């Protein structure tokens, strides 16, 4: 479940609201980048045309 201003780790409860909001934003972006990186870094199998040459 993604973090938001109502749902975040207990370790963030003492942060100033503006700092907590930025930390949640950064964590969301990091998650997007990691997901996108994993999707594009998977090895690709050669096509049959590449195998037959």
PDB file of N, CA and C in Angstrom:
ATOM      1  N   UNK A   1       0.848  -1.181   0.000  1.00  0.00           N
ATOM      2  CA  UNK A   1       0.000   0.000   0.000  1.00  0.00           C
ATOM      3  C   UNK A   1       0.894   1.245   0.000  1.00  0.00           C
ATOM      4  N   UNK A   2       0.652   2.158  -0.917  1.00  0.00           N
ATOM      5  CA  UNK A   2       1.459   3.377  -0.962  1.00  0.00           C
ATOM      6  C   UNK A   2       1.209   4.263   0.262  1.00  0.00           C
ATOM      7  N   UNK A   3       2.215   4.987   0.629  1.00  0.00           N
ATOM      8  CA  UNK A   3       2.078   5.916   1.755  1.00  0.00           C
ATOM      9  C   UNK A   3       1.335   7.160   1.315  1.00  0.00           C
ATOM     10  N   UNK A   4       0.649   7.774   2.274  1.00  0.00           N
ATOM     11  CA  UNK A   4       0.011   9.066   2.051  1.00  0.00           C
ATOM     12  C   UNK A   4       0.019   9.816   3.381  1.00  0.00           C
ATOM     13  N   UNK A   5      -0.631  10.954   3.438  1.00  0.00           N
ATOM     14  CA  UNK A   5      -0.575  11.778   4.652  1.00  0.00           C
ATOM     15  C   UNK A   5      -1.353  11.179   5.821  1.00  0.00           C
ATOM     16  N   UNK A   6      -2.204  10.206   5.555  1.00  0.00           N
ATOM     17  CA  UNK A   6      -2.919   9.533   6.634  1.00  0.00           C
ATOM     18  C   UNK A   6      -2.307   8.176   6.970  1.00  0.00           C
ATOM     19  N   UNK A   7      -1.563   7.596   6.051  1.00  0.00           N
ATOM     20  CA  UNK A   7      -0.991   6.267   6.223  1.00  0.00           C
ATOM     21  C   UNK A   7       0.506   6.318   5.911  1.00  0.00           C
ATOM     22  N   UNK A   8       1.324   6.281   6.952  1.00  0.00           N
ATOM     23  CA  UNK A   8       2.772   6.344   6.792  1.00  0.00           C
ATOM     24  C   UNK A   8       3.414   5.592   7.950  1.00  0.00           C
ATOM     25  N   UNK A   9       4.706   5.260   7.855  1.00  0.00           N
ATOM     26  CA  UNK A   9       5.365   4.502   8.904  1.00  0.00           C
ATOM     27  C   UNK A   9       5.409   5.275  10.232  1.00  0.00           C
ATOM     28  N   UNK A  10       5.346   4.564  11.346  1.00  0.00           N
ATOM     29  CA  UNK A  10       5.408   5.225  12.655  1.00  0.00           C
ATOM     30  C   UNK A  10       6.667   6.074  12.839  1.00  0.00           C
ATOM     31  N   UNK A  11       7.747   5.694  12.177  1.00  0.00           N
ATOM     32  CA  UNK A  11       8.991   6.457  12.326  1.00  0.00           C
ATOM     33  C   UNK A  11       8.874   7.878  11.767  1.00  0.00           C
ATOM     34  N   UNK A  12       7.858   8.145  10.978  1.00  0.00           N
ATOM     35  CA  UNK A  12       7.663   9.481  10.404  1.00  0.00           C
ATOM     36  C   UNK A  12       6.742  10.359  11.238  1.00  0.00           C
ATOM     37  N   UNK A  13       6.174   9.834  12.315  1.00  0.00           N
ATOM     38  CA  UNK A  13       5.152  10.592  13.040  1.00  0.00           C
ATOM     39  C   UNK A  13       5.678  11.865  13.689  1.00  0.00           C
ATOM     40  N   UNK A  14       6.963  11.922  14.022  1.00  0.00           N
ATOM     41  CA  UNK A  14       7.518  13.104  14.674  1.00  0.00           C
ATOM     42  C   UNK A  14       8.101  14.127  13.704  1.00  0.00           C
ATOM     43  N   UNK A  15       8.056  13.833  12.420  1.00  0.00           N
ATOM     44  CA  UNK A  15       8.547  14.798  11.427  1.00  0.00           C
ATOM     45  C   UNK A  15       7.562  15.949  11.290  1.00  0.00           C
ATOM     46  N   UNK A  16       8.089  17.104  10.926  1.00  0.00           N
ATOM     47  CA  UNK A  16       7.206  18.226  10.605  1.00  0.00           C
ATOM     48  C   UNK A  16       6.355  17.820   9.403  1.00  0.00           C
ATOM     49  N   UNK A  17       5.144  18.337   9.356  1.00  0.00           N
ATOM     50  CA  UNK A  17       4.204  17.944   8.310  1.00  0.00           C
ATOM     51  C   UNK A  17       4.786  18.132   6.903  1.00  0.00           C
ATOM     52  N   UNK A  18       5.446  19.250   6.659  1.00  0.00           N
ATOM     53  CA  UNK A  18       5.992  19.525   5.334  1.00  0.00           C
ATOM     54  C   UNK A  18       7.129  18.543   4.995  1.00  0.00           C
ATOM     55  N   UNK A  19       7.926  18.175   5.989  1.00  0.00           N
ATOM     56  CA  UNK A  19       9.024  17.227   5.769  1.00  0.00           C
ATOM     57  C   UNK A  19       8.452  15.833   5.508  1.00  0.00           C
ATOM     58  N   UNK A  20       7.451  15.446   6.291  1.00  0.00           N
ATOM     59  CA  UNK A  20       6.813  14.136   6.111  1.00  0.00           C
ATOM     60  C   UNK A  20       6.180  14.048   4.725  1.00  0.00           C
ATOM     61  N   UNK A  21       5.525  15.125   4.296  1.00  0.00           N
ATOM     62  CA  UNK A  21       4.890  15.145   2.972  1.00  0.00           C
ATOM     63  C   UNK A  21       5.934  14.940   1.875  1.00  0.00           C
ATOM     64  N   UNK A  22       7.083  15.595   1.997  1.00  0.00           N
ATOM     65  CA  UNK A  22       8.145  15.462   0.995  1.00  0.00           C
ATOM     66  C   UNK A  22       8.731  14.045   1.015  1.00  0.00           C
ATOM     67  N   UNK A  23       8.916  13.476   2.212  1.00  0.00           N
ATOM     68  CA  UNK A  23       9.442  12.113   2.326  1.00  0.00           C
ATOM     69  C   UNK A  23       8.499  11.106   1.670  1.00  0.00           C
ATOM     70  N   UNK A  24       7.206  11.300   1.856  1.00  0.00           N
ATOM     71  CA  UNK A  24       6.209  10.422   1.237  1.00  0.00           C
ATOM     72  C   UNK A  24       6.272  10.568  -0.280  1.00  0.00           C
ATOM     73  N   UNK A  25       6.423  11.794  -0.762  1.00  0.00           N
ATOM     74  CA  UNK A  25       6.534  12.043  -2.205  1.00  0.00           C
ATOM     75  C   UNK A  25       7.772  11.356  -2.783  1.00  0.00           C
ATOM     76  N   UNK A  26       8.903  11.480  -2.109  1.00  0.00           N
ATOM     77  CA  UNK A  26      10.150  10.866  -2.576  1.00  0.00           C
ATOM     78  C   UNK A  26      10.030   9.342  -2.584  1.00  0.00           C
ATOM     79  N   UNK A  27       9.436   8.780  -1.546  1.00  0.00           N
ATOM     80  CA  UNK A  27       9.260   7.322  -1.481  1.00  0.00           C
ATOM     81  C   UNK A  27       8.392   6.833  -2.637  1.00  0.00           C
ATOM     82  N   UNK A  28       7.369   7.577  -2.986  1.00  0.00           N
ATOM     83  CA  UNK A  28       6.508   7.216  -4.109  1.00  0.00           C
ATOM     84  C   UNK A  28       7.256   7.250  -5.431  1.00  0.00           C
ATOM     85  N   UNK A  29       8.067   8.267  -5.624  1.00  0.00           N
ATOM     86  CA  UNK A  29       8.869   8.361  -6.851  1.00  0.00           C
ATOM     87  C   UNK A  29       9.889   7.243  -6.929  1.00  0.00           C
ATOM     88  N   UNK A  30      10.507   6.919  -5.811  1.00  0.00           N
ATOM     89  CA  UNK A  30      11.487   5.835  -5.783  1.00  0.00           C
ATOM     90  C   UNK A  30      10.828   4.520  -6.180  1.00  0.00           C
ATOM     91  N   UNK A  31       9.635   4.295  -5.688  1.00  0.00           N
ATOM     92  CA  UNK A  31       8.899   3.084  -6.018  1.00  0.00           C
ATOM     93  C   UNK A  31       8.608   3.009  -7.515  1.00  0.00           C
ATOM     94  N   UNK A  32       8.210   4.127  -8.092  1.00  0.00           N
ATOM     95  CA  UNK A  32       7.921   4.169  -9.532  1.00  0.00           C
ATOM     96  C   UNK A  32       9.186   3.878 -10.336  1.00  0.00           C
ATOM     97  N   UNK A  33      10.302   4.494  -9.968  1.00  0.00           N
ATOM     98  CA  UNK A  33      11.556   4.275 -10.690  1.00  0.00           C
ATOM     99  C   UNK A  33      12.014   2.830 -10.583  1.00  0.00           C
ATOM    100  N   UNK A  34      11.910   2.235  -9.393  1.00  0.00           N
ATOM    101  CA  UNK A  34      12.326   0.848  -9.214  1.00  0.00           C
ATOM    102  C   UNK A  34      11.467  -0.093 -10.050  1.00  0.00           C
ATOM    103  N   UNK A  35      10.165   0.136 -10.070  1.00  0.00           N
ATOM    104  CA  UNK A  35       9.263  -0.701 -10.856  1.00  0.00           C
ATOM    105  C   UNK A  35       9.581  -0.566 -12.336  1.00  0.00           C
ATOM    106  N   UNK A  36       9.765   0.658 -12.802  1.00  0.00           N
ATOM    107  CA  UNK A  36      10.065   0.898 -14.208  1.00  0.00           C
ATOM    108  C   UNK A  36      11.416   0.291 -14.574  1.00  0.00           C
ATOM    109  N   UNK A  37      12.414   0.403 -13.693  1.00  0.00           N
ATOM    110  CA  UNK A  37      13.737  -0.151 -13.962  1.00  0.00           C
ATOM    111  C   UNK A  37      13.666  -1.667 -14.081  1.00  0.00           C
ATOM    112  N   UNK A  38      12.952  -2.319 -13.170  1.00  0.00           N
ATOM    113  CA  UNK A  38      12.829  -3.775 -13.214  1.00  0.00           C
ATOM    114  C   UNK A  38      12.162  -4.220 -14.509  1.00  0.00           C
ATOM    115  N   UNK A  39      11.168  -3.481 -14.946  1.00  0.00           N
ATOM    116  CA  UNK A  39      10.444  -3.845 -16.158  1.00  0.00           C
ATOM    117  C   UNK A  39      11.358  -3.760 -17.384  1.00  0.00           C
ATOM    118  N   UNK A  40      12.244  -2.778 -17.415  1.00  0.00           N
ATOM    119  CA  UNK A  40      13.097  -2.577 -18.589  1.00  0.00           C
ATOM    120  C   UNK A  40      14.447  -3.286 -18.491  1.00  0.00           C
ATOM    121  N   UNK A  41      14.765  -3.864 -17.354  1.00  0.00           N
ATOM    122  CA  UNK A  41      16.066  -4.500 -17.218  1.00  0.00           C
ATOM    123  C   UNK A  41      15.993  -6.023 -17.342  1.00  0.00           C
ATOM    124  N   UNK A  42      14.809  -6.555 -17.579  1.00  0.00           N
ATOM    125  CA  UNK A  42      14.694  -7.999 -17.741  1.00  0.00           C
ATOM    126  C   UNK A  42      15.367  -8.402 -19.048  1.00  0.00           C
ATOM    127  N   UNK A  43      16.083  -9.541 -19.031  1.00  0.00           N
ATOM    128  CA  UNK A  43      16.742  -9.974 -20.262  1.00  0.00           C
ATOM    129  C   UNK A  43      15.717 -10.327 -21.340  1.00  0.00           C
ATOM    130  N   UNK A  44      16.035  -9.988 -22.545  1.00  0.00           N
ATOM    131  CA  UNK A  44      15.126 -10.276 -23.652  1.00  0.00           C
ATOM    132  C   UNK A  44      15.616 -11.517 -24.386  1.00  0.00           C
ATOM    133  N   UNK A  45      14.679 -12.359 -24.754  1.00  0.00           N
ATOM    134  CA  UNK A  45      15.016 -13.566 -25.500  1.00  0.00           C
ATOM    135  C   UNK A  45      15.177 -13.211 -26.975  1.00  0.00           C
ATOM    136  N   UNK A  46      16.117 -13.855 -27.658  1.00  0.00           N
ATOM    137  CA  UNK A  46      16.304 -13.564 -29.086  1.00  0.00           C
ATOM    138  C   UNK A  46      15.108 -14.068 -29.890  1.00  0.00           C
ATOM    139  N   UNK A  47      14.822 -13.376 -30.971  1.00  0.00           N
ATOM    140  CA  UNK A  47      13.734 -13.804 -31.851  1.00  0.00           C
ATOM    141  C   UNK A  47      14.193 -15.006 -32.675  1.00  0.00           C
ATOM    142  N   UNK A  48      13.247 -15.708 -33.274  1.00  0.00           N
ATOM    143  CA  UNK A  48      13.608 -16.868 -34.096  1.00  0.00           C
ATOM    144  C   UNK A  48      14.463 -16.448 -35.281  1.00  0.00           C
ATOM    145  N   UNK A  49      14.271 -15.240 -35.795  1.00  0.00           N
ATOM    146  CA  UNK A  49      15.085 -14.752 -36.914  1.00  0.00           C
ATOM    147  C   UNK A  49      16.541 -14.610 -36.473  1.00  0.00           C
ATOM    148  N   UNK A  50      16.777 -14.153 -35.258  1.00  0.00           N
ATOM    149  CA  UNK A  50      18.139 -14.007 -34.746  1.00  0.00           C
ATOM    150  C   UNK A  50      18.789 -15.369 -34.493  1.00  0.00           C
ATOM    151  N   UNK A  51      17.996 -16.336 -34.085  1.00  0.00           N
ATOM    152  CA  UNK A  51      18.515 -17.671 -33.792  1.00  0.00           C
ATOM    153  C   UNK A  51      18.908 -18.388 -35.079  1.00  0.00           C
ATOM    154  N   UNK A  52      18.137 -18.220 -36.148  1.00  0.00           N
ATOM    155  CA  UNK A  52      18.355 -18.945 -37.399  1.00  0.00           C
ATOM    156  C   UNK A  52      19.483 -18.374 -38.250  1.00  0.00           C
ATOM    157  N   UNK A  53      20.058 -17.245 -37.867  1.00  0.00           N
ATOM    158  CA  UNK A  53      21.142 -16.650 -38.677  1.00  0.00           C
ATOM    159  C   UNK A  53      22.468 -17.055 -38.188  1.00  0.00           C
TER     160      UNK A  53
END
